[in-house]
Structures are given as C-alpha cells and as structure tokens.
C-alpha cells in the first residue's frame, strides 16, 4: 500500500516539477509524455532506465524494483530541486506531504551541468 501511495503522490506532482524546470505545463498532464519529461528533467541515465525497465519486465519479483525506485526517488528529486538529505528522508517517510510541497510550493530547479561547471 505504501508503494501505491508513493507512486500516486509522485504522479500528482509531476506537472509541478516539469513546470518548475521551464517546460510547458501541458507536458506534465499528458500521460507517458509527462514521465518522459520528468525523467529528462531529473537527468537520469538512459542505461539505468533500461536496466530498471528490463527488471520490471523480466524479474519475477517486480516489487523489489518498485521498492528501490520509491527509496531513491526522494533523494534524486530533492537534490535536483535544491533541498538536502533531511527533506529527502522526510520525503521517504511522508511522500504525500513532501512531493506536492516540492512541486507546487517550495523548491526551484537548480540542476547545473557538472561537466560544464567552472571551478
């Protein structure tokens, strides 16, 4: 039941995340397009996505992959939107409060390309 709550809260919050990154709001409403733009905004490696997708398709224990996604997603989202590990831990414990709060109230998209960063 907890995994379902995490995924529903994340899906409700995706339009807010996409809008904060500078994309159009309608890209966050259309199914499957919103997931594509959300993963594009998070800058997740395509190889990782292929491994997770193959795991969801072929592994007999699909809940293991969904659990891994639900554990690491708050840490990825809070890092991209400018919050620390404490908010990520709260997002892990209370996704129904933290995901919408990050998407619609607090947080700004601060992703910076680390390859082009000037040191």
PDB file of N, CA and C in Angstrom:
ATOM      1  N   UNK A   1       0.823  -1.197   0.000  1.00  0.00           N
ATOM      2  CA  UNK A   1       0.000   0.000   0.000  1.00  0.00           C
ATOM      3  C   UNK A   1       0.869   1.263   0.000  1.00  0.00           C
ATOM      4  N   UNK A   2       2.002   1.196   0.718  1.00  0.00           N
ATOM      5  CA  UNK A   2       2.891   2.353   0.784  1.00  0.00           C
ATOM      6  C   UNK A   2       3.461   2.692  -0.594  1.00  0.00           C
ATOM      7  N   UNK A   3       3.815   1.669  -1.373  1.00  0.00           N
ATOM      8  CA  UNK A   3       4.344   1.904  -2.716  1.00  0.00           C
ATOM      9  C   UNK A   3       3.312   2.593  -3.600  1.00  0.00           C
ATOM     10  N   UNK A   4       2.064   2.217  -3.461  1.00  0.00           N
ATOM     11  CA  UNK A   4       0.992   2.836  -4.251  1.00  0.00           C
ATOM     12  C   UNK A   4       0.843   4.305  -3.876  1.00  0.00           C
ATOM     13  N   UNK A   5       0.904   4.610  -2.591  1.00  0.00           N
ATOM     14  CA  UNK A   5       0.809   5.994  -2.127  1.00  0.00           C
ATOM     15  C   UNK A   5       1.978   6.818  -2.663  1.00  0.00           C
ATOM     16  N   UNK A   6       3.193   6.256  -2.614  1.00  0.00           N
ATOM     17  CA  UNK A   6       4.373   6.957  -3.142  1.00  0.00           C
ATOM     18  C   UNK A   6       4.215   7.271  -4.617  1.00  0.00           C
ATOM     19  N   UNK A   7       3.799   6.284  -5.387  1.00  0.00           N
ATOM     20  CA  UNK A   7       3.671   6.481  -6.828  1.00  0.00           C
ATOM     21  C   UNK A   7       2.547   7.451  -7.180  1.00  0.00           C
ATOM     22  N   UNK A   8       1.441   7.393  -6.467  1.00  0.00           N
ATOM     23  CA  UNK A   8       0.335   8.327  -6.730  1.00  0.00           C
ATOM     24  C   UNK A   8       0.749   9.758  -6.407  1.00  0.00           C
ATOM     25  N   UNK A   9       1.428   9.959  -5.289  1.00  0.00           N
ATOM     26  CA  UNK A   9       1.894  11.303  -4.928  1.00  0.00           C
ATOM     27  C   UNK A   9       2.906  11.829  -5.931  1.00  0.00           C
ATOM     28  N   UNK A  10       3.759  10.962  -6.425  1.00  0.00           N
ATOM     29  CA  UNK A  10       4.736  11.367  -7.426  1.00  0.00           C
ATOM     30  C   UNK A  10       4.051  11.727  -8.738  1.00  0.00           C
ATOM     31  N   UNK A  11       3.060  10.954  -9.146  1.00  0.00           N
ATOM     32  CA  UNK A  11       2.350  11.224 -10.399  1.00  0.00           C
ATOM     33  C   UNK A  11       1.563  12.524 -10.301  1.00  0.00           C
ATOM     34  N   UNK A  12       0.973  12.803  -9.158  1.00  0.00           N
ATOM     35  CA  UNK A  12       0.239  14.062  -8.970  1.00  0.00           C
ATOM     36  C   UNK A  12       1.196  15.251  -9.018  1.00  0.00           C
ATOM     37  N   UNK A  13       2.421  15.061  -8.585  1.00  0.00           N
ATOM     38  CA  UNK A  13       3.388  16.155  -8.504  1.00  0.00           C
ATOM     39  C   UNK A  13       4.188  16.375  -9.782  1.00  0.00           C
ATOM     40  N   UNK A  14       4.138  15.465 -10.727  1.00  0.00           N
ATOM     41  CA  UNK A  14       4.952  15.584 -11.939  1.00  0.00           C
ATOM     42  C   UNK A  14       4.682  16.874 -12.717  1.00  0.00           C
ATOM     43  N   UNK A  15       3.434  17.328 -12.913  1.00  0.00           N
ATOM     44  CA  UNK A  15       3.253  18.603 -13.637  1.00  0.00           C
ATOM     45  C   UNK A  15       3.948  19.787 -12.968  1.00  0.00           C
ATOM     46  N   UNK A  16       3.964  19.825 -11.656  1.00  0.00           N
ATOM     47  CA  UNK A  16       4.654  20.905 -10.951  1.00  0.00           C
ATOM     48  C   UNK A  16       6.153  20.854 -11.153  1.00  0.00           C
ATOM     49  N   UNK A  17       6.720  19.649 -11.120  1.00  0.00           N
ATOM     50  CA  UNK A  17       8.160  19.505 -11.345  1.00  0.00           C
ATOM     51  C   UNK A  17       8.541  19.940 -12.755  1.00  0.00           C
ATOM     52  N   UNK A  18       7.743  19.546 -13.726  1.00  0.00           N
ATOM     53  CA  UNK A  18       8.053  19.881 -15.124  1.00  0.00           C
ATOM     54  C   UNK A  18       7.922  21.378 -15.349  1.00  0.00           C
ATOM     55  N   UNK A  19       6.921  21.996 -14.763  1.00  0.00           N
ATOM     56  CA  UNK A  19       6.732  23.441 -14.917  1.00  0.00           C
ATOM     57  C   UNK A  19       7.878  24.215 -14.282  1.00  0.00           C
ATOM     58  N   UNK A  20       8.367  23.782 -13.128  1.00  0.00           N
ATOM     59  CA  UNK A  20       9.483  24.475 -12.467  1.00  0.00           C
ATOM     60  C   UNK A  20      10.782  24.371 -13.240  1.00  0.00           C
ATOM     61  N   UNK A  21      10.903  23.356 -14.087  1.00  0.00           N
ATOM     62  CA  UNK A  21      12.138  23.207 -14.857  1.00  0.00           C
ATOM     63  C   UNK A  21      12.136  24.046 -16.123  1.00  0.00           C
ATOM     64  N   UNK A  22      11.037  24.721 -16.429  1.00  0.00           N
ATOM     65  CA  UNK A  22      10.989  25.599 -17.585  1.00  0.00           C
ATOM     66  C   UNK A  22      10.226  25.038 -18.770  1.00  0.00           C
ATOM     67  N   UNK A  23       9.682  23.852 -18.652  1.00  0.00           N
ATOM     68  CA  UNK A  23       8.884  23.269 -19.728  1.00  0.00           C
ATOM     69  C   UNK A  23       7.448  23.774 -19.617  1.00  0.00           C
ATOM     70  N   UNK A  24       6.667  23.538 -20.668  1.00  0.00           N
ATOM     71  CA  UNK A  24       5.259  23.947 -20.662  1.00  0.00           C
ATOM     72  C   UNK A  24       4.459  23.081 -19.695  1.00  0.00           C
ATOM     73  N   UNK A  25       3.416  23.652 -19.125  1.00  0.00           N
ATOM     74  CA  UNK A  25       2.617  22.952 -18.123  1.00  0.00           C
ATOM     75  C   UNK A  25       1.864  21.784 -18.729  1.00  0.00           C
ATOM     76  N   UNK A  26       1.480  21.876 -20.007  1.00  0.00           N
ATOM     77  CA  UNK A  26       0.680  20.812 -20.616  1.00  0.00           C
ATOM     78  C   UNK A  26       1.489  19.529 -20.804  1.00  0.00           C
ATOM     79  N   UNK A  27       2.812  19.631 -20.823  1.00  0.00           N
ATOM     80  CA  UNK A  27       3.647  18.436 -20.949  1.00  0.00           C
ATOM     81  C   UNK A  27       3.600  17.592 -19.682  1.00  0.00           C
ATOM     82  N   UNK A  28       3.171  18.166 -18.597  1.00  0.00           N
ATOM     83  CA  UNK A  28       3.058  17.433 -17.350  1.00  0.00           C
ATOM     84  C   UNK A  28       1.722  16.764 -17.146  1.00  0.00           C
ATOM     85  N   UNK A  29       0.761  17.048 -18.000  1.00  0.00           N
ATOM     86  CA  UNK A  29      -0.576  16.492 -17.834  1.00  0.00           C
ATOM     87  C   UNK A  29      -0.801  15.257 -18.705  1.00  0.00           C
ATOM     88  N   UNK A  30      -0.220  15.217 -19.886  1.00  0.00           N
ATOM     89  CA  UNK A  30      -0.450  14.124 -20.830  1.00  0.00           C
ATOM     90  C   UNK A  30       0.304  12.874 -20.360  1.00  0.00           C
ATOM     91  N   UNK A  31      -0.405  11.744 -20.211  1.00  0.00           N
ATOM     92  CA  UNK A  31       0.257  10.522 -19.751  1.00  0.00           C
ATOM     93  C   UNK A  31       1.365  10.073 -20.705  1.00  0.00           C
ATOM     94  N   UNK A  32       2.369   9.456 -20.169  1.00  0.00           N
ATOM     95  CA  UNK A  32       3.568   8.949 -20.827  1.00  0.00           C
ATOM     96  C   UNK A  32       4.483  10.069 -21.303  1.00  0.00           C
ATOM     97  N   UNK A  33       3.949  11.170 -21.794  1.00  0.00           N
ATOM     98  CA  UNK A  33       4.793  12.313 -22.134  1.00  0.00           C
ATOM     99  C   UNK A  33       5.307  12.946 -20.848  1.00  0.00           C
ATOM    100  N   UNK A  34       4.447  12.993 -19.819  1.00  0.00           N
ATOM    101  CA  UNK A  34       4.888  13.580 -18.553  1.00  0.00           C
ATOM    102  C   UNK A  34       6.001  12.751 -17.903  1.00  0.00           C
ATOM    103  N   UNK A  35       5.951  11.450 -18.038  1.00  0.00           N
ATOM    104  CA  UNK A  35       7.024  10.620 -17.483  1.00  0.00           C
ATOM    105  C   UNK A  35       8.321  10.855 -18.246  1.00  0.00           C
ATOM    106  N   UNK A  36       8.230  10.975 -19.576  1.00  0.00           N
ATOM    107  CA  UNK A  36       9.418  11.245 -20.383  1.00  0.00           C
ATOM    108  C   UNK A  36      10.066  12.566 -19.969  1.00  0.00           C
ATOM    109  N   UNK A  37       9.272  13.628 -19.866  1.00  0.00           N
ATOM    110  CA  UNK A  37       9.827  14.934 -19.494  1.00  0.00           C
ATOM    111  C   UNK A  37      10.306  14.957 -18.045  1.00  0.00           C
ATOM    112  N   UNK A  38       9.639  14.218 -17.160  1.00  0.00           N
ATOM    113  CA  UNK A  38      10.082  14.155 -15.771  1.00  0.00           C
ATOM    114  C   UNK A  38      11.458  13.497 -15.681  1.00  0.00           C
ATOM    115  N   UNK A  39      11.648  12.406 -16.395  1.00  0.00           N
ATOM    116  CA  UNK A  39      12.951  11.746 -16.386  1.00  0.00           C
ATOM    117  C   UNK A  39      14.001  12.596 -17.094  1.00  0.00           C
ATOM    118  N   UNK A  40      13.586  13.364 -18.084  1.00  0.00           N
ATOM    119  CA  UNK A  40      14.506  14.289 -18.761  1.00  0.00           C
ATOM    120  C   UNK A  40      14.926  15.405 -17.805  1.00  0.00           C
ATOM    121  N   UNK A  41      13.994  15.901 -17.016  1.00  0.00           N
ATOM    122  CA  UNK A  41      14.284  16.953 -16.047  1.00  0.00           C
ATOM    123  C   UNK A  41      15.233  16.436 -14.965  1.00  0.00           C
ATOM    124  N   UNK A  42      15.042  15.190 -14.536  1.00  0.00           N
ATOM    125  CA  UNK A  42      15.882  14.620 -13.484  1.00  0.00           C
ATOM    126  C   UNK A  42      17.260  14.202 -13.973  1.00  0.00           C
ATOM    127  N   UNK A  43      17.458  14.205 -15.287  1.00  0.00           N
ATOM    128  CA  UNK A  43      18.758  13.847 -15.881  1.00  0.00           C
ATOM    129  C   UNK A  43      19.205  12.444 -15.462  1.00  0.00           C
ATOM    130  N   UNK A  44      18.270  11.489 -15.500  1.00  0.00           N
ATOM    131  CA  UNK A  44      18.576  10.112 -15.150  1.00  0.00           C
ATOM    132  C   UNK A  44      19.193   9.421 -16.363  1.00  0.00           C
ATOM    133  N   UNK A  45      20.214   8.628 -16.136  1.00  0.00           N
ATOM    134  CA  UNK A  45      20.935   7.936 -17.193  1.00  0.00           C
ATOM    135  C   UNK A  45      20.022   6.977 -17.952  1.00  0.00           C
ATOM    136  N   UNK A  46      20.083   6.987 -19.283  1.00  0.00           N
ATOM    137  CA  UNK A  46      19.262   6.046 -20.066  1.00  0.00           C
ATOM    138  C   UNK A  46      19.607   4.582 -19.793  1.00  0.00           C
ATOM    139  N   UNK A  47      20.863   4.303 -19.459  1.00  0.00           N
ATOM    140  CA  UNK A  47      21.254   2.925 -19.157  1.00  0.00           C
ATOM    141  C   UNK A  47      20.553   2.448 -17.884  1.00  0.00           C
ATOM    142  N   UNK A  48      20.472   3.331 -16.878  1.00  0.00           N
ATOM    143  CA  UNK A  48      19.761   2.982 -15.654  1.00  0.00           C
ATOM    144  C   UNK A  48      18.285   2.734 -15.940  1.00  0.00           C
ATOM    145  N   UNK A  49      17.696   3.536 -16.802  1.00  0.00           N
ATOM    146  CA  UNK A  49      16.289   3.346 -17.150  1.00  0.00           C
ATOM    147  C   UNK A  49      16.064   2.019 -17.860  1.00  0.00           C
ATOM    148  N   UNK A  50      16.983   1.640 -18.734  1.00  0.00           N
ATOM    149  CA  UNK A  50      16.850   0.367 -19.447  1.00  0.00           C
ATOM    150  C   UNK A  50      16.955  -0.801 -18.461  1.00  0.00           C
ATOM    151  N   UNK A  51      17.894  -0.708 -17.522  1.00  0.00           N
ATOM    152  CA  UNK A  51      18.054  -1.777 -16.526  1.00  0.00           C
ATOM    153  C   UNK A  51      16.806  -1.885 -15.659  1.00  0.00           C
ATOM    154  N   UNK A  52      16.260  -0.754 -15.214  1.00  0.00           N
ATOM    155  CA  UNK A  52      15.046  -0.786 -14.394  1.00  0.00           C
ATOM    156  C   UNK A  52      13.851  -1.310 -15.185  1.00  0.00           C
ATOM    157  N   UNK A  53      13.733  -0.907 -16.440  1.00  0.00           N
ATOM    158  CA  UNK A  53      12.617  -1.379 -17.267  1.00  0.00           C
ATOM    159  C   UNK A  53      12.724  -2.883 -17.516  1.00  0.00           C
ATOM    160  N   UNK A  54      13.921  -3.356 -17.806  1.00  0.00           N
ATOM    161  CA  UNK A  54      14.091  -4.794 -18.002  1.00  0.00           C
ATOM    162  C   UNK A  54      13.834  -5.560 -16.715  1.00  0.00           C
ATOM    163  N   UNK A  55      14.213  -4.979 -15.592  1.00  0.00           N
ATOM    164  CA  UNK A  55      13.913  -5.605 -14.312  1.00  0.00           C
ATOM    165  C   UNK A  55      12.427  -5.681 -14.046  1.00  0.00           C
ATOM    166  N   UNK A  56      11.705  -4.619 -14.387  1.00  0.00           N
ATOM    167  CA  UNK A  56      10.257  -4.628 -14.195  1.00  0.00           C
ATOM    168  C   UNK A  56       9.572  -5.611 -15.130  1.00  0.00           C
ATOM    169  N   UNK A  57      10.153  -5.841 -16.302  1.00  0.00           N
ATOM    170  CA  UNK A  57       9.531  -6.749 -17.268  1.00  0.00           C
ATOM    171  C   UNK A  57       9.856  -8.211 -16.945  1.00  0.00           C
ATOM    172  N   UNK A  58      11.115  -8.512 -16.685  1.00  0.00           N
ATOM    173  CA  UNK A  58      11.538  -9.902 -16.654  1.00  0.00           C
ATOM    174  C   UNK A  58      11.729 -10.507 -15.260  1.00  0.00           C
ATOM    175  N   UNK A  59      11.957  -9.719 -14.247  1.00  0.00           N
ATOM    176  CA  UNK A  59      12.158 -10.290 -12.916  1.00  0.00           C
ATOM    177  C   UNK A  59      10.830 -10.760 -12.334  1.00  0.00           C
ATOM    178  N   UNK A  60      10.841 -11.883 -11.648  1.00  0.00           N
ATOM    179  CA  UNK A  60       9.587 -12.351 -11.056  1.00  0.00           C
ATOM    180  C   UNK A  60       9.149 -11.513  -9.849  1.00  0.00           C
ATOM    181  N   UNK A  61      10.097 -10.845  -9.187  1.00  0.00           N
ATOM    182  CA  UNK A  61       9.766 -10.021  -8.036  1.00  0.00           C
ATOM    183  C   UNK A  61       9.827  -8.548  -8.434  1.00  0.00           C
ATOM    184  N   UNK A  62       8.766  -8.071  -9.044  1.00  0.00           N
ATOM    185  CA  UNK A  62       8.720  -6.685  -9.531  1.00  0.00           C
ATOM    186  C   UNK A  62       8.635  -5.676  -8.396  1.00  0.00           C
ATOM    187  N   UNK A  63       8.138  -6.105  -7.256  1.00  0.00           N
ATOM    188  CA  UNK A  63       8.042  -5.194  -6.120  1.00  0.00           C
ATOM    189  C   UNK A  63       9.409  -4.767  -5.612  1.00  0.00           C
ATOM    190  N   UNK A  64      10.421  -5.587  -5.826  1.00  0.00           N
ATOM    191  CA  UNK A  64      11.772  -5.218  -5.430  1.00  0.00           C
ATOM    192  C   UNK A  64      12.240  -3.995  -6.212  1.00  0.00           C
ATOM    193  N   UNK A  65      12.009  -3.986  -7.516  1.00  0.00           N
ATOM    194  CA  UNK A  65      12.399  -2.841  -8.353  1.00  0.00           C
ATOM    195  C   UNK A  65      11.589  -1.609  -7.967  1.00  0.00           C
ATOM    196  N   UNK A  66      10.283  -1.760  -7.745  1.00  0.00           N
ATOM    197  CA  UNK A  66       9.458  -0.618  -7.339  1.00  0.00           C
ATOM    198  C   UNK A  66       9.876  -0.080  -5.979  1.00  0.00           C
ATOM    199  N   UNK A  67      10.282  -0.951  -5.078  1.00  0.00           N
ATOM    200  CA  UNK A  67      10.761  -0.510  -3.771  1.00  0.00           C
ATOM    201  C   UNK A  67      12.052   0.283  -3.902  1.00  0.00           C
ATOM    202  N   UNK A  68      12.952  -0.180  -4.753  1.00  0.00           N
ATOM    203  CA  UNK A  68      14.202   0.548  -4.988  1.00  0.00           C
ATOM    204  C   UNK A  68      13.911   1.932  -5.570  1.00  0.00           C
ATOM    205  N   UNK A  69      12.983   2.002  -6.509  1.00  0.00           N
ATOM    206  CA  UNK A  69      12.609   3.292  -7.097  1.00  0.00           C
ATOM    207  C   UNK A  69      12.022   4.209  -6.033  1.00  0.00           C
ATOM    208  N   UNK A  70      11.123   3.690  -5.202  1.00  0.00           N
ATOM    209  CA  UNK A  70      10.488   4.519  -4.175  1.00  0.00           C
ATOM    210  C   UNK A  70      11.461   4.948  -3.089  1.00  0.00           C
ATOM    211  N   UNK A  71      12.539   4.202  -2.878  1.00  0.00           N
ATOM    212  CA  UNK A  71      13.524   4.598  -1.879  1.00  0.00           C
ATOM    213  C   UNK A  71      14.443   5.689  -2.409  1.00  0.00           C
ATOM    214  N   UNK A  72      14.889   5.578  -3.653  1.00  0.00           N
ATOM    215  CA  UNK A  72      15.863   6.532  -4.176  1.00  0.00           C
ATOM    216  C   UNK A  72      15.244   7.775  -4.814  1.00  0.00           C
ATOM    217  N   UNK A  73      13.977   7.727  -5.213  1.00  0.00           N
ATOM    218  CA  UNK A  73      13.361   8.873  -5.892  1.00  0.00           C
ATOM    219  C   UNK A  73      13.323  10.136  -5.036  1.00  0.00           C
ATOM    220  N   UNK A  74      13.005  10.092  -3.732  1.00  0.00           N
ATOM    221  CA  UNK A  74      13.025  11.339  -2.956  1.00  0.00           C
ATOM    222  C   UNK A  74      14.405  11.989  -2.903  1.00  0.00           C
ATOM    223  N   UNK A  75      15.453  11.182  -2.865  1.00  0.00           N
ATOM    224  CA  UNK A  75      16.808  11.733  -2.809  1.00  0.00           C
ATOM    225  C   UNK A  75      17.187  12.395  -4.134  1.00  0.00           C
ATOM    226  N   UNK A  76      16.760  11.827  -5.245  1.00  0.00           N
ATOM    227  CA  UNK A  76      17.044  12.415  -6.553  1.00  0.00           C
ATOM    228  C   UNK A  76      16.264  13.709  -6.722  1.00  0.00           C
ATOM    229  N   UNK A  77      14.978  13.681  -6.386  1.00  0.00           N
ATOM    230  CA  UNK A  77      14.118  14.856  -6.577  1.00  0.00           C
ATOM    231  C   UNK A  77      14.558  16.015  -5.681  1.00  0.00           C
ATOM    232  N   UNK A  78      14.844  15.748  -4.421  1.00  0.00           N
ATOM    233  CA  UNK A  78      15.240  16.838  -3.536  1.00  0.00           C
ATOM    234  C   UNK A  78      16.600  17.410  -3.904  1.00  0.00           C
ATOM    235  N   UNK A  79      17.472  16.602  -4.461  1.00  0.00           N
ATOM    236  CA  UNK A  79      18.771  17.108  -4.912  1.00  0.00           C
ATOM    237  C   UNK A  79      18.603  18.039  -6.109  1.00  0.00           C
ATOM    238  N   UNK A  80      17.767  17.666  -7.051  1.00  0.00           N
ATOM    239  CA  UNK A  80      17.559  18.477  -8.251  1.00  0.00           C
ATOM    240  C   UNK A  80      16.822  19.781  -7.917  1.00  0.00           C
ATOM    241  N   UNK A  81      15.928  19.744  -6.933  1.00  0.00           N
ATOM    242  CA  UNK A  81      15.128  20.924  -6.610  1.00  0.00           C
ATOM    243  C   UNK A  81      15.621  21.684  -5.384  1.00  0.00           C
ATOM    244  N   UNK A  82      16.879  21.491  -5.010  1.00  0.00           N
ATOM    245  CA  UNK A  82      17.532  22.377  -4.070  1.00  0.00           C
ATOM    246  C   UNK A  82      17.314  22.128  -2.600  1.00  0.00           C
ATOM    247  N   UNK A  83      17.012  20.918  -2.198  1.00  0.00           N
ATOM    248  CA  UNK A  83      16.865  20.612  -0.782  1.00  0.00           C
ATOM    249  C   UNK A  83      17.832  19.502  -0.417  1.00  0.00           C
ATOM    250  N   UNK A  84      18.044  19.318   0.869  1.00  0.00           N
ATOM    251  CA  UNK A  84      19.060  18.385   1.333  1.00  0.00           C
ATOM    252  C   UNK A  84      18.526  17.012   1.693  1.00  0.00           C
ATOM    253  N   UNK A  85      19.367  16.298   2.395  1.00  0.00           N
ATOM    254  CA  UNK A  85      19.070  14.910   2.759  1.00  0.00           C
ATOM    255  C   UNK A  85      17.967  14.794   3.812  1.00  0.00           C
ATOM    256  N   UNK A  86      17.797  15.808   4.629  1.00  0.00           N
ATOM    257  CA  UNK A  86      16.738  15.750   5.647  1.00  0.00           C
ATOM    258  C   UNK A  86      15.367  15.784   4.983  1.00  0.00           C
ATOM    259  N   UNK A  87      15.192  16.664   4.006  1.00  0.00           N
ATOM    260  CA  UNK A  87      13.922  16.726   3.278  1.00  0.00           C
ATOM    261  C   UNK A  87      13.717  15.443   2.484  1.00  0.00           C
ATOM    262  N   UNK A  88      14.803  14.876   1.955  1.00  0.00           N
ATOM    263  CA  UNK A  88      14.688  13.611   1.216  1.00  0.00           C
ATOM    264  C   UNK A  88      14.238  12.480   2.136  1.00  0.00           C
ATOM    265  N   UNK A  89      14.764  12.455   3.353  1.00  0.00           N
ATOM    266  CA  UNK A  89      14.343  11.438   4.309  1.00  0.00           C
ATOM    267  C   UNK A  89      12.880  11.631   4.699  1.00  0.00           C
ATOM    268  N   UNK A  90      12.478  12.877   4.866  1.00  0.00           N
ATOM    269  CA  UNK A  90      11.061  13.151   5.123  1.00  0.00           C
ATOM    270  C   UNK A  90      10.201  12.752   3.924  1.00  0.00           C
ATOM    271  N   UNK A  91      10.737  12.942   2.713  1.00  0.00           N
ATOM    272  CA  UNK A  91      10.026  12.505   1.513  1.00  0.00           C
ATOM    273  C   UNK A  91       9.886  11.000   1.443  1.00  0.00           C
ATOM    274  N   UNK A  92      10.846  10.308   1.987  1.00  0.00           N
ATOM    275  CA  UNK A  92      10.767   8.851   2.047  1.00  0.00           C
ATOM    276  C   UNK A  92       9.703   8.408   3.059  1.00  0.00           C
ATOM    277  N   UNK A  93       9.616   9.127   4.166  1.00  0.00           N
ATOM    278  CA  UNK A  93       8.655   8.762   5.213  1.00  0.00           C
ATOM    279  C   UNK A  93       7.249   9.294   4.949  1.00  0.00           C
ATOM    280  N   UNK A  94       7.162  10.521   4.418  1.00  0.00           N
ATOM    281  CA  UNK A  94       5.873  11.177   4.200  1.00  0.00           C
ATOM    282  C   UNK A  94       5.768  11.693   2.762  1.00  0.00           C
ATOM    283  N   UNK A  95       5.669  10.804   1.775  1.00  0.00           N
ATOM    284  CA  UNK A  95       5.640  11.268   0.384  1.00  0.00           C
ATOM    285  C   UNK A  95       4.383  12.068   0.041  1.00  0.00           C
ATOM    286  N   UNK A  96       3.297  11.824   0.754  1.00  0.00           N
ATOM    287  CA  UNK A  96       2.051  12.524   0.462  1.00  0.00           C
ATOM    288  C   UNK A  96       2.113  13.983   0.861  1.00  0.00           C
ATOM    289  N   UNK A  97       3.085  14.403   1.680  1.00  0.00           N
ATOM    290  CA  UNK A  97       3.280  15.810   2.006  1.00  0.00           C
ATOM    291  C   UNK A  97       4.432  16.424   1.217  1.00  0.00           C
ATOM    292  N   UNK A  98       5.535  15.712   1.121  1.00  0.00           N
ATOM    293  CA  UNK A  98       6.770  16.292   0.581  1.00  0.00           C
ATOM    294  C   UNK A  98       6.738  16.437  -0.935  1.00  0.00           C
ATOM    295  N   UNK A  99       6.276  15.427  -1.673  1.00  0.00           N
ATOM    296  CA  UNK A  99       6.260  15.524  -3.142  1.00  0.00           C
ATOM    297  C   UNK A  99       5.423  16.706  -3.636  1.00  0.00           C
ATOM    298  N   UNK A 100       4.177  16.857  -3.192  1.00  0.00           N
ATOM    299  CA  UNK A 100       3.422  18.039  -3.650  1.00  0.00           C
ATOM    300  C   UNK A 100       4.007  19.359  -3.138  1.00  0.00           C
ATOM    301  N   UNK A 101       4.568  19.354  -1.945  1.00  0.00           N
ATOM    302  CA  UNK A 101       5.183  20.573  -1.404  1.00  0.00           C
ATOM    303  C   UNK A 101       6.353  21.004  -2.275  1.00  0.00           C
ATOM    304  N   UNK A 102       7.206  20.069  -2.667  1.00  0.00           N
ATOM    305  CA  UNK A 102       8.326  20.405  -3.548  1.00  0.00           C
ATOM    306  C   UNK A 102       7.854  20.843  -4.922  1.00  0.00           C
ATOM    307  N   UNK A 103       6.799  20.215  -5.417  1.00  0.00           N
ATOM    308  CA  UNK A 103       6.340  20.501  -6.780  1.00  0.00           C
ATOM    309  C   UNK A 103       5.623  21.832  -6.894  1.00  0.00           C
ATOM    310  N   UNK A 104       4.816  22.165  -5.903  1.00  0.00           N
ATOM    311  CA  UNK A 104       3.945  23.327  -6.058  1.00  0.00           C
ATOM    312  C   UNK A 104       4.241  24.481  -5.112  1.00  0.00           C
ATOM    313  N   UNK A 105       4.974  24.266  -4.033  1.00  0.00           N
ATOM    314  CA  UNK A 105       5.194  25.332  -3.062  1.00  0.00           C
ATOM    315  C   UNK A 105       6.655  25.742  -3.010  1.00  0.00           C
ATOM    316  N   UNK A 106       7.506  24.842  -2.615  1.00  0.00           N
ATOM    317  CA  UNK A 106       8.905  25.167  -2.382  1.00  0.00           C
ATOM    318  C   UNK A 106       9.785  24.495  -3.428  1.00  0.00           C
ATOM    319  N   UNK A 107      10.995  24.916  -3.487  1.00  0.00           N
ATOM    320  CA  UNK A 107      11.956  24.282  -4.380  1.00  0.00           C
ATOM    321  C   UNK A 107      12.038  24.967  -5.731  1.00  0.00           C
ATOM    322  N   UNK A 108      13.240  25.165  -6.192  1.00  0.00           N
ATOM    323  CA  UNK A 108      13.478  25.682  -7.532  1.00  0.00           C
ATOM    324  C   UNK A 108      14.428  24.740  -8.238  1.00  0.00           C
ATOM    325  N   UNK A 109      14.284  24.653  -9.529  1.00  0.00           N
ATOM    326  CA  UNK A 109      15.096  23.747 -10.327  1.00  0.00           C
ATOM    327  C   UNK A 109      16.505  24.303 -10.397  1.00  0.00           C
ATOM    328  N   UNK A 110      17.466  23.605  -9.789  1.00  0.00           N
ATOM    329  CA  UNK A 110      18.826  24.138  -9.707  1.00  0.00           C
ATOM    330  C   UNK A 110      19.841  23.257 -10.405  1.00  0.00           C
ATOM    331  N   UNK A 111      19.371  22.347 -11.265  1.00  0.00           N
ATOM    332  CA  UNK A 111      20.322  21.434 -11.892  1.00  0.00           C
ATOM    333  C   UNK A 111      21.334  22.226 -12.697  1.00  0.00           C
ATOM    334  N   UNK A 112      22.573  21.889 -12.487  1.00  0.00           N
ATOM    335  CA  UNK A 112      23.666  22.550 -13.172  1.00  0.00           C
ATOM    336  C   UNK A 112      24.521  21.451 -13.778  1.00  0.00           C
ATOM    337  N   UNK A 113      24.872  21.596 -15.036  1.00  0.00           N
ATOM    338  CA  UNK A 113      25.656  20.581 -15.718  1.00  0.00           C
ATOM    339  C   UNK A 113      27.052  20.540 -15.096  1.00  0.00           C
ATOM    340  N   UNK A 114      27.384  19.433 -14.464  1.00  0.00           N
ATOM    341  CA  UNK A 114      28.640  19.333 -13.735  1.00  0.00           C
ATOM    342  C   UNK A 114      29.839  19.251 -14.672  1.00  0.00           C
ATOM    343  N   UNK A 115      29.619  18.870 -15.936  1.00  0.00           N
ATOM    344  CA  UNK A 115      30.721  18.820 -16.879  1.00  0.00           C
ATOM    345  C   UNK A 115      31.144  20.211 -17.334  1.00  0.00           C
ATOM    346  N   UNK A 116      30.215  21.148 -17.354  1.00  0.00           N
ATOM    347  CA  UNK A 116      30.492  22.496 -17.808  1.00  0.00           C
ATOM    348  C   UNK A 116      30.679  23.492 -16.667  1.00  0.00           C
ATOM    349  N   UNK A 117      30.709  23.003 -15.450  1.00  0.00           N
ATOM    350  CA  UNK A 117      30.840  23.898 -14.294  1.00  0.00           C
ATOM    351  C   UNK A 117      32.259  24.473 -14.236  1.00  0.00           C
ATOM    352  N   UNK A 118      32.326  25.735 -13.871  1.00  0.00           N
ATOM    353  CA  UNK A 118      33.624  26.402 -13.767  1.00  0.00           C
ATOM    354  C   UNK A 118      34.070  26.318 -12.306  1.00  0.00           C
ATOM    355  N   UNK A 119      35.287  25.816 -12.094  1.00  0.00           N
ATOM    356  CA  UNK A 119      35.799  25.676 -10.735  1.00  0.00           C
ATOM    357  C   UNK A 119      36.897  26.666 -10.506  1.00  0.00           C
TER     358      UNK A 119
END
